Amino acid sequence: MLTSTIAYYQKLGCWTPHVEITRPAFETTLDVFLHRGVITKRHRYEDVVAAPPA
């Protein structure tokens, strides 16, 4: 499911070809989620994002 979702967003041009979630992308996503009321507080990047496999 995750693979097909990422592929769909890549096709739309909304997700870059790399699999990592960069800190700037994460922070922008938090801004959007906060603005829309999806979340009520900012979450720490280190608590949410795992490094991609080496």
PDB file of N, CA and C in Angstrom:
ATOM      1  N   MET A   1       0.814  -1.186   0.000  1.00  0.00           N
ATOM      2  CA  MET A   1       0.000   0.000   0.000  1.00  0.00           C
ATOM      3  C   MET A   1       0.865   1.261   0.000  1.00  0.00           C
ATOM      4  N   LEU A   2       1.882   1.295   0.852  1.00  0.00           N
ATOM      5  CA  LEU A   2       2.742   2.470   0.916  1.00  0.00           C
ATOM      6  C   LEU A   2       3.466   2.684  -0.407  1.00  0.00           C
ATOM      7  N   THR A   3       3.951   1.606  -1.006  1.00  0.00           N
ATOM      8  CA  THR A   3       4.669   1.711  -2.278  1.00  0.00           C
ATOM      9  C   THR A   3       3.777   2.300  -3.358  1.00  0.00           C
ATOM     10  N   SER A   4       2.557   1.813  -3.458  1.00  0.00           N
ATOM     11  CA  SER A   4       1.647   2.320  -4.492  1.00  0.00           C
ATOM     12  C   SER A   4       1.248   3.770  -4.213  1.00  0.00           C
ATOM     13  N   THR A   5       1.117   4.119  -2.948  1.00  0.00           N
ATOM     14  CA  THR A   5       0.776   5.497  -2.597  1.00  0.00           C
ATOM     15  C   THR A   5       1.898   6.447  -2.993  1.00  0.00           C
ATOM     16  N   ILE A   6       3.133   6.087  -2.670  1.00  0.00           N
ATOM     17  CA  ILE A   6       4.280   6.922  -3.043  1.00  0.00           C
ATOM     18  C   ILE A   6       4.382   7.023  -4.557  1.00  0.00           C
ATOM     19  N   ALA A   7       4.204   5.915  -5.260  1.00  0.00           N
ATOM     20  CA  ALA A   7       4.259   5.928  -6.728  1.00  0.00           C
ATOM     21  C   ALA A   7       3.212   6.881  -7.299  1.00  0.00           C
ATOM     22  N   TYR A   8       2.023   6.876  -6.727  1.00  0.00           N
ATOM     23  CA  TYR A   8       0.952   7.763  -7.181  1.00  0.00           C
ATOM     24  C   TYR A   8       1.343   9.226  -6.977  1.00  0.00           C
ATOM     25  N   TYR A   9       1.857   9.550  -5.796  1.00  0.00           N
ATOM     26  CA  TYR A   9       2.272  10.925  -5.525  1.00  0.00           C
ATOM     27  C   TYR A   9       3.449  11.336  -6.407  1.00  0.00           C
ATOM     28  N   GLN A  10       4.366  10.415  -6.691  1.00  0.00           N
ATOM     29  CA  GLN A  10       5.475  10.720  -7.591  1.00  0.00           C
ATOM     30  C   GLN A  10       4.946  11.029  -8.984  1.00  0.00           C
ATOM     31  N   LYS A  11       3.965  10.274  -9.431  1.00  0.00           N
ATOM     32  CA  LYS A  11       3.360  10.503 -10.750  1.00  0.00           C
ATOM     33  C   LYS A  11       2.732  11.898 -10.812  1.00  0.00           C
ATOM     34  N   LEU A  12       2.134  12.329  -9.715  1.00  0.00           N
ATOM     35  CA  LEU A  12       1.537  13.662  -9.644  1.00  0.00           C
ATOM     36  C   LEU A  12       2.583  14.767  -9.509  1.00  0.00           C
ATOM     37  N   GLY A  13       3.831  14.382  -9.186  1.00  0.00           N
ATOM     38  CA  GLY A  13       4.886  15.364  -8.981  1.00  0.00           C
ATOM     39  C   GLY A  13       4.914  15.918  -7.569  1.00  0.00           C
ATOM     40  N   CYS A  14       4.218  15.242  -6.652  1.00  0.00           N
ATOM     41  CA  CYS A  14       4.133  15.697  -5.261  1.00  0.00           C
ATOM     42  C   CYS A  14       5.145  15.016  -4.351  1.00  0.00           C
ATOM     43  N   TRP A  15       5.898  14.072  -4.864  1.00  0.00           N
ATOM     44  CA  TRP A  15       6.857  13.328  -4.043  1.00  0.00           C
ATOM     45  C   TRP A  15       8.106  13.131  -4.894  1.00  0.00           C
ATOM     46  N   THR A  16       9.235  13.514  -4.369  1.00  0.00           N
ATOM     47  CA  THR A  16      10.477  13.372  -5.122  1.00  0.00           C
ATOM     48  C   THR A  16      10.847  11.899  -5.273  1.00  0.00           C
ATOM     49  N   PRO A  17      11.729  11.573  -6.209  1.00  0.00           N
ATOM     50  CA  PRO A  17      12.076  10.165  -6.450  1.00  0.00           C
ATOM     51  C   PRO A  17      12.766   9.469  -5.277  1.00  0.00           C
ATOM     52  N   HIS A  18      13.423  10.216  -4.400  1.00  0.00           N
ATOM     53  CA  HIS A  18      14.088   9.564  -3.270  1.00  0.00           C
ATOM     54  C   HIS A  18      13.059   9.194  -2.203  1.00  0.00           C
ATOM     55  N   VAL A  19      13.382   8.216  -1.387  1.00  0.00           N
ATOM     56  CA  VAL A  19      12.413   7.722  -0.405  1.00  0.00           C
ATOM     57  C   VAL A  19      12.496   8.425   0.946  1.00  0.00           C
ATOM     58  N   GLU A  20      13.580   9.136   1.186  1.00  0.00           N
ATOM     59  CA  GLU A  20      13.731   9.771   2.491  1.00  0.00           C
ATOM     60  C   GLU A  20      12.779  10.959   2.637  1.00  0.00           C
ATOM     61  N   ILE A  21      12.360  11.210   3.847  1.00  0.00           N
ATOM     62  CA  ILE A  21      11.565  12.396   4.158  1.00  0.00           C
ATOM     63  C   ILE A  21      12.530  13.398   4.776  1.00  0.00           C
ATOM     64  N   THR A  22      12.832  14.448   4.032  1.00  0.00           N
ATOM     65  CA  THR A  22      13.800  15.435   4.506  1.00  0.00           C
ATOM     66  C   THR A  22      13.176  16.283   5.614  1.00  0.00           C
ATOM     67  N   ARG A  23      14.039  16.879   6.408  1.00  0.00           N
ATOM     68  CA  ARG A  23      13.541  17.743   7.484  1.00  0.00           C
ATOM     69  C   ARG A  23      12.707  18.900   6.923  1.00  0.00           C
ATOM     70  N   PRO A  24      13.173  19.592   5.852  1.00  0.00           N
ATOM     71  CA  PRO A  24      12.333  20.673   5.308  1.00  0.00           C
ATOM     72  C   PRO A  24      10.960  20.177   4.829  1.00  0.00           C
ATOM     73  N   ALA A  25      10.921  19.014   4.196  1.00  0.00           N
ATOM     74  CA  ALA A  25       9.635  18.467   3.742  1.00  0.00           C
ATOM     75  C   ALA A  25       8.748  18.129   4.935  1.00  0.00           C
ATOM     76  N   PHE A  26       9.334  17.574   5.967  1.00  0.00           N
ATOM     77  CA  PHE A  26       8.590  17.233   7.176  1.00  0.00           C
ATOM     78  C   PHE A  26       8.013  18.491   7.824  1.00  0.00           C
ATOM     79  N   GLU A  27       8.831  19.535   7.940  1.00  0.00           N
ATOM     80  CA  GLU A  27       8.379  20.780   8.565  1.00  0.00           C
ATOM     81  C   GLU A  27       7.250  21.423   7.759  1.00  0.00           C
ATOM     82  N   THR A  28       7.355  21.391   6.439  1.00  0.00           N
ATOM     83  CA  THR A  28       6.295  21.932   5.586  1.00  0.00           C
ATOM     84  C   THR A  28       5.005  21.152   5.770  1.00  0.00           C
ATOM     85  N   THR A  29       5.123  19.830   5.860  1.00  0.00           N
ATOM     86  CA  THR A  29       3.947  18.992   6.083  1.00  0.00           C
ATOM     87  C   THR A  29       3.290  19.329   7.418  1.00  0.00           C
ATOM     88  N   LEU A  30       4.096  19.535   8.454  1.00  0.00           N
ATOM     89  CA  LEU A  30       3.541  19.940   9.749  1.00  0.00           C
ATOM     90  C   LEU A  30       2.793  21.265   9.635  1.00  0.00           C
ATOM     91  N   ASP A  31       3.362  22.207   8.888  1.00  0.00           N
ATOM     92  CA  ASP A  31       2.692  23.496   8.690  1.00  0.00           C
ATOM     93  C   ASP A  31       1.306  23.301   8.080  1.00  0.00           C
ATOM     94  N   VAL A  32       1.229  22.465   7.051  1.00  0.00           N
ATOM     95  CA  VAL A  32      -0.043  22.200   6.373  1.00  0.00           C
ATOM     96  C   VAL A  32      -1.022  21.515   7.320  1.00  0.00           C
ATOM     97  N   PHE A  33      -0.561  20.475   8.013  1.00  0.00           N
ATOM     98  CA  PHE A  33      -1.438  19.734   8.925  1.00  0.00           C
ATOM     99  C   PHE A  33      -1.952  20.628  10.061  1.00  0.00           C
ATOM    100  N   LEU A  34      -1.084  21.490  10.592  1.00  0.00           N
ATOM    101  CA  LEU A  34      -1.511  22.416  11.644  1.00  0.00           C
ATOM    102  C   LEU A  34      -2.541  23.410  11.109  1.00  0.00           C
ATOM    103  N   HIS A  35      -2.277  23.944   9.931  1.00  0.00           N
ATOM    104  CA  HIS A  35      -3.187  24.914   9.323  1.00  0.00           C
ATOM    105  C   HIS A  35      -4.573  24.311   9.094  1.00  0.00           C
ATOM    106  N   ARG A  36      -4.615  23.050   8.682  1.00  0.00           N
ATOM    107  CA  ARG A  36      -5.889  22.370   8.407  1.00  0.00           C
ATOM    108  C   ARG A  36      -6.533  21.796   9.668  1.00  0.00           C
ATOM    109  N   GLY A  37      -5.824  21.839  10.789  1.00  0.00           N
ATOM    110  CA  GLY A  37      -6.376  21.313  12.028  1.00  0.00           C
ATOM    111  C   GLY A  37      -6.283  19.800  12.151  1.00  0.00           C
ATOM    112  N   VAL A  38      -5.446  19.181  11.316  1.00  0.00           N
ATOM    113  CA  VAL A  38      -5.273  17.723  11.366  1.00  0.00           C
ATOM    114  C   VAL A  38      -4.489  17.319  12.613  1.00  0.00           C
ATOM    115  N   ILE A  39      -3.554  18.184  13.020  1.00  0.00           N
ATOM    116  CA  ILE A  39      -2.799  17.966  14.254  1.00  0.00           C
ATOM    117  C   ILE A  39      -2.911  19.229  15.103  1.00  0.00           C
ATOM    118  N   THR A  40      -2.636  19.101  16.386  1.00  0.00           N
ATOM    119  CA  THR A  40      -2.737  20.256  17.280  1.00  0.00           C
ATOM    120  C   THR A  40      -1.391  20.692  17.845  1.00  0.00           C
ATOM    121  N   LYS A  41      -0.338  19.920  17.554  1.00  0.00           N
ATOM    122  CA  LYS A  41       1.003  20.299  18.005  1.00  0.00           C
ATOM    123  C   LYS A  41       2.020  19.776  17.002  1.00  0.00           C
ATOM    124  N   ARG A  42       3.196  20.391  17.015  1.00  0.00           N
ATOM    125  CA  ARG A  42       4.277  19.947  16.135  1.00  0.00           C
ATOM    126  C   ARG A  42       4.939  18.721  16.755  1.00  0.00           C
ATOM    127  N   HIS A  43       5.260  17.774  15.922  1.00  0.00           N
ATOM    128  CA  HIS A  43       5.952  16.569  16.371  1.00  0.00           C
ATOM    129  C   HIS A  43       7.419  16.670  15.979  1.00  0.00           C
ATOM    130  N   ARG A  44       8.279  16.087  16.787  1.00  0.00           N
ATOM    131  CA  ARG A  44       9.719  16.133  16.505  1.00  0.00           C
ATOM    132  C   ARG A  44      10.063  15.197  15.355  1.00  0.00           C
ATOM    133  N   TYR A  45      10.870  15.691  14.442  1.00  0.00           N
ATOM    134  CA  TYR A  45      11.340  14.913  13.295  1.00  0.00           C
ATOM    135  C   TYR A  45      11.952  13.597  13.763  1.00  0.00           C
ATOM    136  N   GLU A  46      12.785  13.677  14.805  1.00  0.00           N
ATOM    137  CA  GLU A  46      13.489  12.492  15.307  1.00  0.00           C
ATOM    138  C   GLU A  46      12.532  11.446  15.893  1.00  0.00           C
ATOM    139  N   ASP A  47      11.377  11.880  16.341  1.00  0.00           N
ATOM    140  CA  ASP A  47      10.403  10.956  16.922  1.00  0.00           C
ATOM    141  C   ASP A  47       9.514  10.292  15.876  1.00  0.00           C
ATOM    142  N   VAL A  48       9.508  10.835  14.673  1.00  0.00           N
ATOM    143  CA  VAL A  48       8.556  10.382  13.658  1.00  0.00           C
ATOM    144  C   VAL A  48       9.227   9.722  12.455  1.00  0.00           C
ATOM    145  N   VAL A  49      10.367  10.258  12.033  1.00  0.00           N
ATOM    146  CA  VAL A  49      10.994   9.817  10.786  1.00  0.00           C
ATOM    147  C   VAL A  49      12.151   8.862  11.073  1.00  0.00           C
ATOM    148  N   ALA A  50      12.128   7.728  10.417  1.00  0.00           N
ATOM    149  CA  ALA A  50      13.227   6.756  10.512  1.00  0.00           C
ATOM    150  C   ALA A  50      14.136   6.919   9.300  1.00  0.00           C
ATOM    151  N   ALA A  51      15.419   6.741   9.521  1.00  0.00           N
ATOM    152  CA  ALA A  51      16.376   6.824   8.414  1.00  0.00           C
ATOM    153  C   ALA A  51      16.108   5.696   7.418  1.00  0.00           C
ATOM    154  N   PRO A  52      16.276   5.986   6.107  1.00  0.00           N
ATOM    155  CA  PRO A  52      16.082   4.920   5.123  1.00  0.00           C
ATOM    156  C   PRO A  52      17.158   3.848   5.275  1.00  0.00           C
ATOM    157  N   PRO A  53      16.872   2.645   4.817  1.00  0.00           N
ATOM    158  CA  PRO A  53      17.885   1.578   4.905  1.00  0.00           C
ATOM    159  C   PRO A  53      19.137   1.949   4.124  1.00  0.00           C
ATOM    160  N   ALA A  54      20.260   1.553   4.631  1.00  0.00           N
ATOM    161  CA  ALA A  54      21.545   1.871   3.979  1.00  0.00           C
ATOM    162  C   ALA A  54      21.769   1.003   2.762  1.00  0.00           C
TER     163      ALA A  54
END
